[in-house]
Amino acid sequence: MRAAAAVSFALALGLAGCGQELPQTATLGAGGGSPSLADGAQAGGSLVDARGRPLSPPPVPANVPAQAVRAGEESALALWVHEGRVVTSAWTREAGWSAAQPLEEIYGAASDAQLASNGRGVAMAVWRHTVGSIQSLRFSRFEQGAGWTRPDVMPGALPQADAAGTADDGPRLQMDADGNATARWPSGFHAGEVQTARYVAGQGWTQAAGEPVATAGPAAAPTGVR
């Protein structure tokens, strides 16, 4: 299984060693397909740290797609969904990847998980949570030294039902250099509408607000920011 996973993770984490450029999220492909990389990621190599030194593959099961971000100069995070749970692992140069741990184990199923980081010790995870026909968005925030916060519900968020089973139905997440995050997703309240919310460091998430797709602008890519 680990050999298959290693093949799946033959790609790079975005480099951010120069100037003010911050890391991008690397989308780690599963199975035999070609991995998809966000802007700033280096294709055709192994996972690397800020100095270009390779990382070992995170402990992701074979054929399970995942995302990874560099959380700091010598640290990284990986996130994926397995058996309806959001699972994470953290990497440091000294210890390597930690054992995979679910962020929570509650009734219902997680999907469409997104991960973003500012590359300076702060990261955010957002995912869809489904219980029967009830949809919600949940989140957890990571801070170096403290770890992940207890997951909670994003206020006012109602994602569109995932009837088509496509990635376009899920949330998109960005984080700026100060650790503030923005999420956007197709609204479950009205067709042709998106909801957006912003996380302000030290304050939390704003109430999700809806707006027509035509005026909402392009959806945020599931990446960190430059």
Foldseek 3Di string as FASTA:
>chain_A
DLVLQQVQQFWEWFADQDDQFFTKKFKGAADPDDGDGDPRTGGRHHYAANVRHHAGGEPDDHRWIKIKHQQARFKIKIWTFDPQFIWIWMAGPVPGIDPIDTLDDDPFGWDLKFKEHLRHFKIKIKIWTDDPPAIFIKMWITGPPPGIDRIDTQAQAGFADCPVVDSLRIKAKEAHNVGKMKIKGHGNPDPQKIWIWIQDPPPGIDHIDIDGPVPPPDHHHRIYGD
